[in-house]
Amino acid sequence: MSLGDRLGRLLFIVPYVAHRDGVPLEELAEKLGVAPRQIEADLDLLSMVGRPPLTPDHLVDLYVEDDVVYVELDQNLSRPLSLTHDEARALVLAAKLVGDLGGVGEQLDRIVARLVEHLNPVDAQRVLDSSKRIRLASAGDDTASIQPVAQLREALEAHCEVQIDYYSVSSDRQKTYRLRPLAVLSHTGVEYLVALDVGAELQEKIFRTDRMGTVEILAEEFEPPDALELEKFRTPTLYFGADGITAEVRFAPAVARIVRERFADKQVEVGPDGAVTVRLSTSSPAWLARWVLPFGTDAEILAPAAQRESLGQLCREAAAAYGRD
């Protein structure tokens, strides 16, 4: 199954289900020509789609009840979009690059044609020219030389240091790291780099490859350690390193159902009043604060105390800012 096939299904499922107020899982699988378990896997992926900052109220809410698929759009996604010309060009070009979209592209093609009609002649011609020069690479294409993972593996074999541009969730900004790569691991569908941070006294750190920008292989070589202990990475939840924290967050009964759908039973404790307490691990205090804030007074960080105080300080600063003339 190609990348284009799956992308086609992902683009098709949300609008198709949303306009029908629920679709039987078997019907959706038959229409798309795949097994129901593949649709369920697609729904798991789509449940992580939304608008930045990707907090729960900004995500597409997909779920299955009694073998019927439902979708609830974020209120900001449910109204018609007003696209800029740049956004329209990007959308049209993305649709053209994936070809027939796994056999369900006719509906999207009609939408794309309407978008092109509203582009000015210059923009329309740019889209046509770009779609001829650019295409979506499949897994079998010889494009490894431009992929971060391929560059990292090349550096691993040569024992060369690398410099990467990396989005750090913990600080919510992009940083540049100089690293000594030790291994590339795959965990729950995501590849990670284990490396020694040259700028932090060779501390062992882990980096998601999908958050990397530019990867540059440097001329400096290094002697790798005699052995790398990989057992600590073979856990259901990926190793978070020395900065990892375990947090407890309490959610009011009003949002308990939404929260329970996103966590395993072992992570959730249900109280007698219907409220739920969630225990989760994260390496990012900034992410934890951004995740909790949209719930307003329906969420409360119970532990650790430092994270509770950090969130409280953010709230105090926001209150002070809104209190100004």
Protein backbone atom coordinates (compact mmCIF):
# COMPACT_ATOMS: atom_id res chain seq x y z
CA MET A 1 0.00 0.00 0.00
CA SER A 2 1.51 3.29 -1.11
CA LEU A 3 1.82 6.53 0.79
CA GLY A 4 -0.51 8.12 -1.74
CA ASP A 5 -3.20 5.51 -1.04
CA ARG A 6 -3.20 6.25 2.66
CA LEU A 7 -3.06 10.00 2.19
CA GLY A 8 -6.08 9.68 -0.06
CA ARG A 9 -8.05 7.87 2.62
CA LEU A 10 -7.05 10.40 5.29
CA LEU A 11 -8.21 13.30 3.13
CA PHE A 12 -11.46 11.50 2.32
CA ILE A 13 -12.58 10.13 5.70
CA VAL A 14 -13.12 13.33 7.68
CA PRO A 15 -15.39 15.25 5.26
CA TYR A 16 -17.22 12.08 4.19
CA VAL A 17 -18.09 11.09 7.76
CA ALA A 18 -18.75 14.63 8.97
CA HIS A 19 -21.39 15.24 6.30
CA ARG A 20 -23.24 12.01 7.11
CA ASP A 21 -23.42 12.23 10.89
CA GLY A 22 -21.76 8.85 11.31
CA VAL A 23 -20.86 6.04 8.89
CA PRO A 24 -20.74 2.29 9.65
CA LEU A 25 -17.16 1.06 9.86
CA GLU A 26 -17.83 -1.75 7.37
CA GLU A 27 -19.33 0.70 4.85
CA LEU A 28 -16.33 3.00 5.09
CA ALA A 29 -13.91 0.08 4.69
CA GLU A 30 -15.81 -1.24 1.66
CA LYS A 31 -15.93 2.16 -0.02
CA LEU A 32 -12.19 2.63 0.43
CA GLY A 33 -11.32 -0.95 -0.47
CA VAL A 34 -9.44 -1.83 2.72
CA ALA A 35 -10.02 -3.95 5.82
CA PRO A 36 -11.86 -2.42 8.80
CA ARG A 37 -8.69 -2.72 10.90
CA GLN A 38 -6.93 -0.44 8.39
CA ILE A 39 -9.69 2.15 8.80
CA GLU A 40 -9.24 1.93 12.58
CA ALA A 41 -5.50 2.55 12.13
CA ASP A 42 -6.30 5.56 9.92
CA LEU A 43 -8.65 6.91 12.59
CA ASP A 44 -5.90 6.60 15.20
CA LEU A 45 -3.65 8.71 12.99
CA LEU A 46 -6.37 11.26 12.22
CA SER A 47 -7.08 11.70 15.92
CA MET A 48 -3.71 13.49 16.14
CA VAL A 49 -4.59 15.96 13.36
CA GLY A 50 -5.59 19.54 14.10
CA ARG A 51 -4.40 23.10 14.28
CA PRO A 52 -1.44 24.37 16.31
CA PRO A 53 -0.90 24.24 19.23
CA LEU A 54 -2.58 20.81 18.81
CA THR A 55 -4.27 20.86 22.20
CA PRO A 56 -7.45 18.74 22.63
CA ASP A 57 -9.80 21.54 21.63
CA HIS A 58 -7.84 22.02 18.40
CA LEU A 59 -7.86 18.36 17.31
CA VAL A 60 -10.28 16.50 15.06
CA ASP A 61 -12.30 14.21 17.35
CA LEU A 62 -12.83 10.81 15.68
CA TYR A 63 -14.29 7.83 17.49
CA VAL A 64 -16.15 4.54 16.90
CA GLU A 65 -19.32 3.62 18.79
CA ASP A 66 -21.22 0.39 18.04
CA ASP A 67 -19.11 -0.04 14.89
CA VAL A 68 -20.16 3.40 13.58
CA VAL A 69 -17.53 6.06 12.86
CA TYR A 70 -18.25 9.61 14.05
CA VAL A 71 -16.31 12.84 13.68
CA GLU A 72 -16.61 16.09 15.61
CA LEU A 73 -14.69 18.99 14.17
CA ASP A 74 -13.08 21.71 16.22
CA GLN A 75 -15.46 24.66 15.97
CA ASN A 76 -12.78 26.60 14.13
CA LEU A 77 -12.60 23.84 11.50
CA SER A 78 -16.36 23.42 11.06
CA ARG A 79 -16.98 26.71 9.26
CA PRO A 80 -15.88 27.38 5.66
CA LEU A 81 -12.25 28.40 5.37
CA SER A 82 -11.17 31.71 3.91
CA LEU A 83 -7.92 30.80 2.18
CA THR A 84 -5.20 33.22 1.19
CA HIS A 85 -3.76 32.80 -2.30
CA ASP A 86 -0.64 31.20 -0.82
CA GLU A 87 -2.76 28.71 1.14
CA ALA A 88 -4.91 27.92 -1.90
CA ARG A 89 -1.83 27.30 -4.05
CA ALA A 90 -0.36 25.00 -1.39
CA LEU A 91 -3.62 23.02 -1.08
CA VAL A 92 -4.05 22.61 -4.82
CA LEU A 93 -0.43 21.61 -5.32
CA ALA A 94 -0.54 19.06 -2.47
CA ALA A 95 -3.62 17.43 -4.00
CA LYS A 96 -2.03 17.24 -7.44
CA LEU A 97 1.18 15.72 -6.12
CA VAL A 98 -0.52 12.60 -4.72
CA GLY A 99 -2.17 11.67 -8.01
CA ASP A 100 -5.40 9.68 -7.82
CA LEU A 101 -5.39 9.65 -4.00
CA GLY A 102 -5.84 5.93 -3.73
CA GLY A 103 -8.94 5.83 -5.95
CA VAL A 104 -11.02 8.33 -3.96
CA GLY A 105 -9.67 11.48 -5.54
CA GLU A 106 -12.63 12.40 -7.75
CA GLN A 107 -14.43 14.32 -5.00
CA LEU A 108 -11.25 16.18 -4.08
CA ASP A 109 -10.49 16.88 -7.73
CA ARG A 110 -13.77 18.75 -8.05
CA ILE A 111 -12.89 20.88 -5.03
CA VAL A 112 -9.40 21.51 -6.41
CA ALA A 113 -10.86 22.59 -9.76
CA ARG A 114 -13.07 25.13 -8.00
CA LEU A 115 -10.05 26.46 -6.09
CA VAL A 116 -8.05 26.84 -9.31
CA GLU A 117 -10.91 28.80 -10.86
CA HIS A 118 -10.52 31.44 -8.15
CA LEU A 119 -6.75 31.73 -8.48
CA ASN A 120 -5.44 34.55 -10.57
CA PRO A 121 -3.78 33.50 -13.87
CA VAL A 122 -0.27 33.88 -12.47
CA ASP A 123 -0.97 31.69 -9.43
CA ALA A 124 -2.79 29.10 -11.54
CA GLN A 125 0.16 28.83 -13.92
CA ARG A 126 2.58 28.46 -10.98
CA VAL A 127 0.56 25.53 -9.68
CA LEU A 128 0.56 23.82 -13.07
CA ASP A 129 4.28 24.36 -13.57
CA SER A 130 5.16 23.14 -10.06
CA SER A 131 3.01 20.02 -10.32
CA LYS A 132 4.98 18.99 -13.41
CA ARG A 133 8.35 19.41 -11.70
CA ILE A 134 7.57 18.02 -8.24
CA ARG A 135 6.06 14.74 -7.12
CA LEU A 136 5.47 12.78 -3.94
CA ALA A 137 8.25 10.23 -3.42
CA SER A 138 7.25 6.70 -2.48
CA ALA A 139 9.19 4.40 -0.18
CA GLY A 140 10.89 2.77 -3.14
CA ASP A 141 12.18 5.96 -4.69
CA ASP A 142 15.88 6.77 -4.58
CA THR A 143 15.49 9.87 -2.40
CA ALA A 144 17.47 8.68 0.61
CA SER A 145 20.17 11.27 0.10
CA ILE A 146 17.78 14.07 1.07
CA GLN A 147 16.17 12.35 4.06
CA PRO A 148 17.36 13.23 7.59
CA VAL A 149 17.34 9.57 8.67
CA ALA A 150 19.51 8.56 5.71
CA GLN A 151 21.98 11.34 6.53
CA LEU A 152 22.05 10.26 10.16
CA ARG A 153 22.76 6.65 9.17
CA GLU A 154 25.56 7.86 6.93
CA ALA A 155 27.06 9.78 9.85
CA LEU A 156 26.67 6.73 12.09
CA GLU A 157 28.65 4.55 9.71
CA ALA A 158 31.40 7.14 9.35
CA HIS A 159 31.42 8.05 13.10
CA CYS A 160 31.07 11.71 12.17
CA GLU A 161 29.50 14.46 14.21
CA VAL A 162 26.36 16.14 12.88
CA GLN A 163 24.70 19.50 13.29
CA ILE A 164 20.89 19.58 13.29
CA ASP A 165 18.17 22.18 13.48
CA TYR A 166 15.60 20.80 15.90
CA TYR A 167 12.25 21.91 17.26
CA SER A 168 12.40 21.49 21.03
CA VAL A 169 9.00 20.93 22.61
CA SER A 170 10.33 21.58 26.11
CA SER A 171 11.32 25.16 25.22
CA ASP A 172 8.81 25.60 22.37
CA ARG A 173 11.46 26.91 19.98
CA GLN A 174 13.94 25.72 17.39
CA LYS A 175 17.51 25.01 18.47
CA THR A 176 20.74 24.02 16.77
CA TYR A 177 22.54 20.99 18.22
CA ARG A 178 25.96 19.53 17.56
CA LEU A 179 25.75 15.79 18.17
CA ARG A 180 27.63 12.52 18.09
CA PRO A 181 25.06 10.06 16.72
CA LEU A 182 24.96 6.63 18.41
CA ALA A 183 21.85 4.89 17.05
CA VAL A 184 18.61 5.36 15.16
CA LEU A 185 15.63 3.63 16.79
CA SER A 186 12.07 3.06 15.62
CA HIS A 187 9.32 3.27 18.25
CA THR A 188 5.54 3.22 17.61
CA GLY A 189 6.05 4.29 14.00
CA VAL A 190 8.43 7.16 14.76
CA GLU A 191 12.20 7.12 14.34
CA TYR A 192 14.46 8.58 17.01
CA LEU A 193 18.14 9.50 17.13
CA VAL A 194 20.15 8.62 20.23
CA ALA A 195 23.15 10.92 20.41
CA LEU A 196 25.69 12.62 22.66
CA ASP A 197 25.17 16.38 22.89
CA VAL A 198 28.55 18.03 22.30
CA GLY A 199 27.27 21.32 23.69
CA ALA A 200 26.07 19.71 26.94
CA GLU A 201 29.19 17.83 28.06
CA LEU A 202 28.31 14.79 25.91
CA GLN A 203 25.06 14.03 27.70
CA GLU A 204 23.08 11.22 26.11
CA LYS A 205 19.87 12.59 24.55
CA ILE A 206 17.13 11.41 22.25
CA PHE A 207 15.64 13.33 19.31
CA ARG A 208 12.57 12.66 17.13
CA THR A 209 13.64 12.67 13.50
CA ASP A 210 10.31 14.17 12.38
CA ARG A 211 11.17 17.33 14.35
CA MET A 212 14.49 17.80 12.60
CA GLY A 213 15.07 20.42 9.98
CA THR A 214 18.48 20.66 8.32
CA VAL A 215 20.96 17.85 9.05
CA GLU A 216 24.61 18.57 8.25
CA ILE A 217 27.33 15.91 8.45
CA LEU A 218 30.48 17.49 9.87
CA ALA A 219 34.09 16.59 9.14
CA GLU A 220 34.91 15.91 12.81
CA GLU A 221 35.08 12.18 13.58
CA PHE A 222 34.71 10.60 17.03
CA GLU A 223 35.29 7.29 18.72
CA PRO A 224 31.90 5.76 19.63
CA PRO A 225 31.47 4.18 23.08
CA ASP A 226 32.22 0.48 23.40
CA ALA A 227 28.59 -0.42 24.01
CA LEU A 228 25.22 1.30 23.91
CA GLU A 229 22.62 0.01 26.38
CA LEU A 230 19.42 -0.21 24.34
CA GLU A 231 17.29 -2.10 26.87
CA LYS A 232 16.08 1.11 28.49
CA PHE A 233 14.45 2.06 25.18
CA ARG A 234 12.48 -1.20 24.89
CA THR A 235 9.50 -0.04 26.92
CA PRO A 236 5.85 0.72 25.99
CA THR A 237 6.56 4.41 26.60
CA LEU A 238 9.75 5.71 25.08
CA TYR A 239 12.53 6.70 27.44
CA PHE A 240 12.29 10.40 28.29
CA GLY A 241 15.77 10.91 29.67
CA ALA A 242 16.83 12.83 32.75
CA ASP A 243 14.33 15.63 32.06
CA GLY A 244 11.29 13.34 31.97
CA ILE A 245 8.47 14.00 34.45
CA THR A 246 5.36 12.13 35.52
CA ALA A 247 2.39 14.41 35.99
CA GLU A 248 -1.06 13.94 37.51
CA VAL A 249 -3.90 16.01 36.07
CA ARG A 250 -7.48 16.00 37.37
CA PHE A 251 -10.35 16.61 34.93
CA ALA A 252 -13.88 17.56 35.90
CA PRO A 253 -16.81 15.24 35.06
CA ALA A 254 -17.85 17.57 32.23
CA VAL A 255 -14.77 16.62 30.17
CA ALA A 256 -14.13 13.14 31.60
CA ARG A 257 -15.42 11.25 28.55
CA ILE A 258 -13.23 13.21 26.14
CA VAL A 259 -10.16 12.63 28.29
CA ARG A 260 -10.77 8.90 28.85
CA GLU A 261 -10.95 8.27 25.10
CA ARG A 262 -7.36 9.48 24.71
CA PHE A 263 -5.65 7.42 27.41
CA ALA A 264 -5.24 3.78 28.33
CA ASP A 265 -7.23 2.51 31.31
CA LYS A 266 -4.08 2.04 33.37
CA GLN A 267 -3.36 5.77 33.08
CA VAL A 268 -6.80 6.87 34.25
CA GLU A 269 -8.39 6.79 37.70
CA VAL A 270 -12.11 7.53 37.91
CA GLY A 271 -13.35 9.27 41.05
CA PRO A 272 -16.73 8.75 42.76
CA ASP A 273 -17.98 12.09 41.41
CA GLY A 274 -17.16 11.15 37.80
CA ALA A 275 -13.97 13.21 37.64
CA VAL A 276 -10.86 11.50 36.27
CA THR A 277 -7.21 11.73 37.20
CA VAL A 278 -4.70 11.04 34.44
CA ARG A 279 -1.07 10.06 34.97
CA LEU A 280 1.14 10.78 32.00
CA SER A 281 4.83 11.06 31.25
CA THR A 282 6.34 13.93 29.33
CA SER A 283 9.71 15.52 28.80
CA SER A 284 8.15 18.94 28.26
CA PRO A 285 6.72 21.15 31.02
CA ALA A 286 5.80 23.68 28.32
CA TRP A 287 3.75 21.05 26.47
CA LEU A 288 2.00 20.05 29.69
CA ALA A 289 0.96 23.63 30.40
CA ARG A 290 -0.29 24.21 26.84
CA TRP A 291 -2.22 20.94 26.95
CA VAL A 292 -3.99 21.72 30.24
CA LEU A 293 -4.82 25.41 29.69
CA PRO A 294 -7.56 24.97 27.02
CA PHE A 295 -9.61 22.94 29.51
CA GLY A 296 -9.88 26.04 31.71
CA THR A 297 -11.25 25.36 35.19
CA ASP A 298 -12.15 21.79 34.17
CA ALA A 299 -8.51 20.72 34.56
CA GLU A 300 -6.05 20.97 37.44
CA ILE A 301 -2.45 19.82 37.72
CA LEU A 302 -2.11 17.90 40.98
CA ALA A 303 1.56 16.95 40.73
CA PRO A 304 4.41 17.61 40.55
CA ALA A 305 4.26 20.80 42.58
CA ALA A 306 6.72 22.60 40.31
CA GLN A 307 4.47 22.08 37.28
CA ARG A 308 1.40 23.18 39.24
CA GLU A 309 3.18 26.37 40.25
CA SER A 310 4.48 26.93 36.71
CA LEU A 311 0.94 26.75 35.32
CA GLY A 312 -0.32 29.02 38.08
CA GLN A 313 2.32 31.60 37.20
CA LEU A 314 1.24 31.52 33.54
CA CYS A 315 -2.36 32.13 34.63
CA ARG A 316 -1.34 35.03 36.87
CA GLU A 317 0.66 36.62 34.08
CA ALA A 318 -2.26 36.24 31.68
CA ALA A 319 -4.66 37.76 34.21
CA ALA A 320 -2.32 40.70 34.74
CA ALA A 321 -1.96 41.24 30.99
CA TYR A 322 -5.71 41.27 30.42
CA GLY A 323 -6.16 43.62 33.37
CA ARG A 324 -4.13 46.38 31.74
CA ASP A 325 -5.71 49.35 29.99
